C-alpha atoms as a PDB file:
ATOM      1  CA  UNK A   1      90.018  90.079 101.475  1.00  0.00           C
ATOM      2  CA  UNK A   2      89.152  93.745 102.161  1.00  0.00           C
ATOM      3  CA  UNK A   3      89.875  94.822 105.629  1.00  0.00           C
ATOM      4  CA  UNK A   4      87.869  97.906 107.091  1.00  0.00           C
ATOM      5  CA  UNK A   5      87.661  99.904 109.929  1.00  0.00           C
ATOM      6  CA  UNK A   6      84.923  98.716 112.400  1.00  0.00           C
ATOM      7  CA  UNK A   7      83.282 102.000 112.693  1.00  0.00           C
ATOM      8  CA  UNK A   8      82.879 102.459 108.886  1.00  0.00           C
ATOM      9  CA  UNK A   9      80.838  99.292 108.932  1.00  0.00           C
ATOM     10  CA  UNK A  10      78.365 100.628 111.570  1.00  0.00           C
ATOM     11  CA  UNK A  11      79.814  99.160 114.547  1.00  0.00           C
ATOM     12  CA  UNK A  12      79.810 101.807 117.533  1.00  0.00           C
ATOM     13  CA  UNK A  13      83.377 101.650 118.506  1.00  0.00           C
ATOM     14  CA  UNK A  14      84.657 105.030 118.123  1.00  0.00           C
ATOM     15  CA  UNK A  15      86.156 106.834 121.225  1.00  0.00           C
ATOM     16  CA  UNK A  16      82.802 108.438 121.973  1.00  0.00           C
ATOM     17  CA  UNK A  17      80.801 105.263 121.307  1.00  0.00           C
ATOM     18  CA  UNK A  18      79.570 106.164 117.815  1.00  0.00           C
ATOM     19  CA  UNK A  19      79.958 104.936 114.301  1.00  0.00           C
ATOM     20  CA  UNK A  20      80.530 106.262 110.755  1.00  0.00           C
ATOM     21  CA  UNK A  21      78.564 104.143 108.699  1.00  0.00           C
ATOM     22  CA  UNK A  22      79.586 103.864 105.076  1.00  0.00           C
ATOM     23  CA  UNK A  23      76.874 101.925 103.462  1.00  0.00           C
ATOM     24  CA  UNK A  24      79.078 100.481 100.689  1.00  0.00           C
ATOM     25  CA  UNK A  25      81.457  98.958 103.421  1.00  0.00           C
ATOM     26  CA  UNK A  26      78.599  97.483 105.481  1.00  0.00           C
ATOM     27  CA  UNK A  27      77.388  95.841 102.166  1.00  0.00           C
ATOM     28  CA  UNK A  28      80.776  94.336 101.699  1.00  0.00           C
ATOM     29  CA  UNK A  29      80.969  93.027 105.260  1.00  0.00           C
ATOM     30  CA  UNK A  30      77.436  91.551 104.942  1.00  0.00           C
ATOM     31  CA  UNK A  31      78.476  89.740 101.730  1.00  0.00           C
ATOM     32  CA  UNK A  32      81.590  88.550 103.185  1.00  0.00           C
ATOM     33  CA  UNK A  33      83.762  90.591 100.902  1.00  0.00           C
ATOM     34  CA  UNK A  34      85.310  92.621 103.623  1.00  0.00           C
ATOM     35  CA  UNK A  35      86.035  91.911 107.283  1.00  0.00           C
ATOM     36  CA  UNK A  36      86.162  94.591 110.281  1.00  0.00           C
ATOM     37  CA  UNK A  37      89.040  95.422 112.515  1.00  0.00           C
ATOM     38  CA  UNK A  38      89.473  98.038 115.228  1.00  0.00           C
ATOM     39  CA  UNK A  39      92.902  98.682 116.105  1.00  0.00           C
ATOM     40  CA  UNK A  40      92.115 100.495 119.201  1.00  0.00           C
ATOM     41  CA  UNK A  41      90.131  97.852 120.589  1.00  0.00           C
ATOM     42  CA  UNK A  42      92.637  95.252 119.439  1.00  0.00           C
ATOM     43  CA  UNK A  43      95.333  97.182 121.620  1.00  0.00           C
ATOM     44  CA  UNK A  44      93.353  97.017 124.645  1.00  0.00           C
ATOM     45  CA  UNK A  45      91.077 100.040 124.730  1.00  0.00           C
ATOM     46  CA  UNK A  46      87.224  99.846 125.603  1.00  0.00           C
ATOM     47  CA  UNK A  47      84.374 101.759 124.237  1.00  0.00           C
ATOM     48  CA  UNK A  48      83.809 104.691 125.172  1.00  0.00           C
ATOM     49  CA  UNK A  49      87.208 106.018 126.092  1.00  0.00           C
ATOM     50  CA  UNK A  50      89.102 109.359 125.907  1.00  0.00           C
ATOM     51  CA  UNK A  51      90.176 110.871 122.757  1.00  0.00           C
ATOM     52  CA  UNK A  52      93.860 110.784 122.002  1.00  0.00           C
ATOM     53  CA  UNK A  53      96.131 112.351 119.557  1.00  0.00           C
ATOM     54  CA  UNK A  54      99.562 111.999 118.282  1.00  0.00           C
ATOM     55  CA  UNK A  55     101.915 114.513 120.046  1.00  0.00           C
ATOM     56  CA  UNK A  56     105.041 115.486 118.219  1.00  0.00           C
ATOM     57  CA  UNK A  57     104.810 113.835 114.846  1.00  0.00           C
ATOM     58  CA  UNK A  58     102.956 111.330 112.933  1.00  0.00           C
ATOM     59  CA  UNK A  59     102.340 107.654 113.021  1.00  0.00           C
ATOM     60  CA  UNK A  60     105.506 106.773 111.488  1.00  0.00           C
ATOM     61  CA  UNK A  61     107.063 108.992 114.232  1.00  0.00           C
ATOM     62  CA  UNK A  62     105.472 106.873 117.036  1.00  0.00           C
ATOM     63  CA  UNK A  63     106.540 103.645 115.485  1.00  0.00           C
ATOM     64  CA  UNK A  64     110.127 105.018 115.357  1.00  0.00           C
ATOM     65  CA  UNK A  65     109.916 106.095 119.094  1.00  0.00           C
ATOM     66  CA  UNK A  66     109.893 109.877 118.092  1.00  0.00           C
ATOM     67  CA  UNK A  67     106.363 110.912 119.063  1.00  0.00           C
ATOM     68  CA  UNK A  68     103.694 109.886 121.618  1.00  0.00           C
ATOM     69  CA  UNK A  69      99.850 109.110 121.591  1.00  0.00           C
ATOM     70  CA  UNK A  70      98.440 110.832 124.619  1.00  0.00           C
ATOM     71  CA  UNK A  71      94.895 111.135 125.785  1.00  0.00           C
ATOM     72  CA  UNK A  72      93.220 114.605 126.345  1.00  0.00           C
ATOM     73  CA  UNK A  73      93.787 114.136 130.009  1.00  0.00           C
ATOM     74  CA  UNK A  74      97.582 113.614 129.454  1.00  0.00           C
ATOM     75  CA  UNK A  75      97.928 109.880 129.711  1.00  0.00           C
ATOM     76  CA  UNK A  76     100.403 108.247 127.432  1.00  0.00           C
ATOM     77  CA  UNK A  77      98.615 105.491 125.519  1.00  0.00           C
ATOM     78  CA  UNK A  78     101.180 105.123 122.851  1.00  0.00           C
ATOM     79  CA  UNK A  79     101.838 101.389 123.889  1.00  0.00           C
ATOM     80  CA  UNK A  80      98.319 100.652 123.458  1.00  0.00           C
ATOM     81  CA  UNK A  81      98.232 102.193 119.900  1.00  0.00           C
ATOM     82  CA  UNK A  82     101.427 100.279 118.847  1.00  0.00           C
ATOM     83  CA  UNK A  83      99.931  96.918 120.137  1.00  0.00           C
ATOM     84  CA  UNK A  84      96.739  97.344 118.322  1.00  0.00           C
ATOM     85  CA  UNK A  85      98.837  98.472 115.297  1.00  0.00           C
ATOM     86  CA  UNK A  86     100.749  95.187 115.182  1.00  0.00           C
ATOM     87  CA  UNK A  87      97.485  93.181 115.980  1.00  0.00           C
ATOM     88  CA  UNK A  88      95.946  94.601 112.718  1.00  0.00           C
ATOM     89  CA  UNK A  89      99.083  93.894 110.859  1.00  0.00           C
ATOM     90  CA  UNK A  90      98.798  90.163 111.929  1.00  0.00           C
ATOM     91  CA  UNK A  91      95.290  90.043 110.752  1.00  0.00           C
ATOM     92  CA  UNK A  92      96.109  91.872 107.525  1.00  0.00           C
ATOM     93  CA  UNK A  93      98.956  89.274 106.789  1.00  0.00           C
ATOM     94  CA  UNK A  94      96.661  86.264 107.811  1.00  0.00           C
ATOM     95  CA  UNK A  95      93.972  87.266 105.602  1.00  0.00           C
ATOM     96  CA  UNK A  96      96.260  88.438 102.827  1.00  0.00           C
ATOM     97  CA  UNK A  97      94.340  91.732 102.396  1.00  0.00           C
ATOM     98  CA  UNK A  98      94.408  93.326  99.234  1.00  0.00           C
ATOM     99  CA  UNK A  99      93.359  96.782 100.360  1.00  0.00           C
ATOM    100  CA  UNK A 100      92.608  98.172 103.745  1.00  0.00           C
ATOM    101  CA  UNK A 101      90.178 100.910 104.248  1.00  0.00           C
ATOM    102  CA  UNK A 102      90.617 102.966 107.486  1.00  0.00           C
ATOM    103  CA  UNK A 103      88.794 106.034 109.168  1.00  0.00           C
ATOM    104  CA  UNK A 104      90.380 109.103 108.217  1.00  0.00           C
ATOM    105  CA  UNK A 105      91.653 111.566 111.128  1.00  0.00           C
ATOM    106  CA  UNK A 106      92.268 108.759 113.666  1.00  0.00           C
ATOM    107  CA  UNK A 107      95.323 108.534 115.636  1.00  0.00           C
ATOM    108  CA  UNK A 108      95.253 104.668 114.560  1.00  0.00           C
ATOM    109  CA  UNK A 109      93.686 104.806 111.232  1.00  0.00           C
ATOM    110  CA  UNK A 110      94.172 108.102 109.671  1.00  0.00           C
ATOM    111  CA  UNK A 111      95.754 107.449 106.199  1.00  0.00           C
ATOM    112  CA  UNK A 112      96.355 111.066 104.845  1.00  0.00           C
ATOM    113  CA  UNK A 113      95.109 113.134 107.667  1.00  0.00           C
ATOM    114  CA  UNK A 114      95.433 113.257 111.617  1.00  0.00           C
ATOM    115  CA  UNK A 115      94.709 115.716 114.414  1.00  0.00           C
ATOM    116  CA  UNK A 116      97.643 117.976 115.236  1.00  0.00           C
ATOM    117  CA  UNK A 117      97.776 116.863 118.853  1.00  0.00           C
ATOM    118  CA  UNK A 118      96.485 120.052 120.259  1.00  0.00           C
ATOM    119  CA  UNK A 119      92.865 118.822 120.959  1.00  0.00           C
ATOM    120  CA  UNK A 120      91.706 121.975 118.721  1.00  0.00           C
ATOM    121  CA  UNK A 121      90.093 120.037 115.787  1.00  0.00           C
ATOM    122  CA  UNK A 122      92.820 120.934 113.483  1.00  0.00           C
ATOM    123  CA  UNK A 123      94.026 118.336 110.949  1.00  0.00           C
ATOM    124  CA  UNK A 124      97.372 117.836 109.590  1.00  0.00           C
ATOM    125  CA  UNK A 125      98.818 115.612 106.842  1.00  0.00           C
ATOM    126  CA  UNK A 126     100.079 112.289 108.141  1.00  0.00           C
ATOM    127  CA  UNK A 127      99.260 108.757 108.894  1.00  0.00           C
ATOM    128  CA  UNK A 128      97.979 107.253 112.146  1.00  0.00           C
ATOM    129  CA  UNK A 129      99.956 104.506 113.838  1.00  0.00           C
ATOM    130  CA  UNK A 130      97.964 101.458 112.163  1.00  0.00           C
ATOM    131  CA  UNK A 131      98.131 103.055 108.781  1.00  0.00           C
ATOM    132  CA  UNK A 132     101.745 103.784 109.072  1.00  0.00           C
ATOM    133  CA  UNK A 133     102.623 100.450 110.253  1.00  0.00           C
ATOM    134  CA  UNK A 134     100.553  98.543 107.533  1.00  0.00           C
ATOM    135  CA  UNK A 135     101.924 100.886 104.763  1.00  0.00           C
ATOM    136  CA  UNK A 136     105.584  99.924 106.024  1.00  0.00           C
ATOM    137  CA  UNK A 137     104.633  96.255 105.414  1.00  0.00           C
ATOM    138  CA  UNK A 138     103.575  96.941 101.975  1.00  0.00           C
ATOM    139  CA  UNK A 139      99.689  96.917 102.350  1.00  0.00           C
ATOM    140  CA  UNK A 140      97.664  99.415 100.597  1.00  0.00           C
ATOM    141  CA  UNK A 141      95.608 101.742 102.680  1.00  0.00           C
ATOM    142  CA  UNK A 142      93.215 104.090 101.850  1.00  0.00           C
ATOM    143  CA  UNK A 143      90.604 106.123 103.777  1.00  0.00           C
ATOM    144  CA  UNK A 144      86.705 105.890 103.280  1.00  0.00           C
ATOM    145  CA  UNK A 145      87.245 109.382 101.163  1.00  0.00           C
ATOM    146  CA  UNK A 146      89.470 107.487  98.840  1.00  0.00           C
ATOM    147  CA  UNK A 147      87.060 104.554  98.333  1.00  0.00           C
ATOM    148  CA  UNK A 148      85.006 105.741  95.344  1.00  0.00           C
ATOM    149  CA  UNK A 149      88.153 106.417  93.248  1.00  0.00           C
ATOM    150  CA  UNK A 150      90.396 103.625  94.220  1.00  0.00           C
ATOM    151  CA  UNK A 151      87.874 100.589  94.276  1.00  0.00           C
ATOM    152  CA  UNK A 152      84.665 101.400  92.631  1.00  0.00           C
END
């Protein structure tokens, strides 16, 4: 089973209530070849929600207790991001996911890039919290940008 970020399948679950539809991913979901997950909703967030970025590192650093996930207003939401990552890991294990396609740049789902923690739109190399946890447990995690090269 392929797991995919819900927003990539067209579900309006992003922080600002939008989606990032990828037609191939939506097709897989409709054909029951893929299942959607949203680690942020699984962690307890609602839509819409305030944007958040990782401060002081990347997803690995968050998991190790050396960085935080902070909303633009300054509220620490690290615990909710870790909770969502653990819930996504449980689903990946239960479904024996063969590959997981997550939304790039997200503090949860980014698998190559995340924002730098300054809320200025600058990206840096790194994993989001969920991507980091899934990779630690041996899952293949890619972004929607890598999709064409990896799966097709």
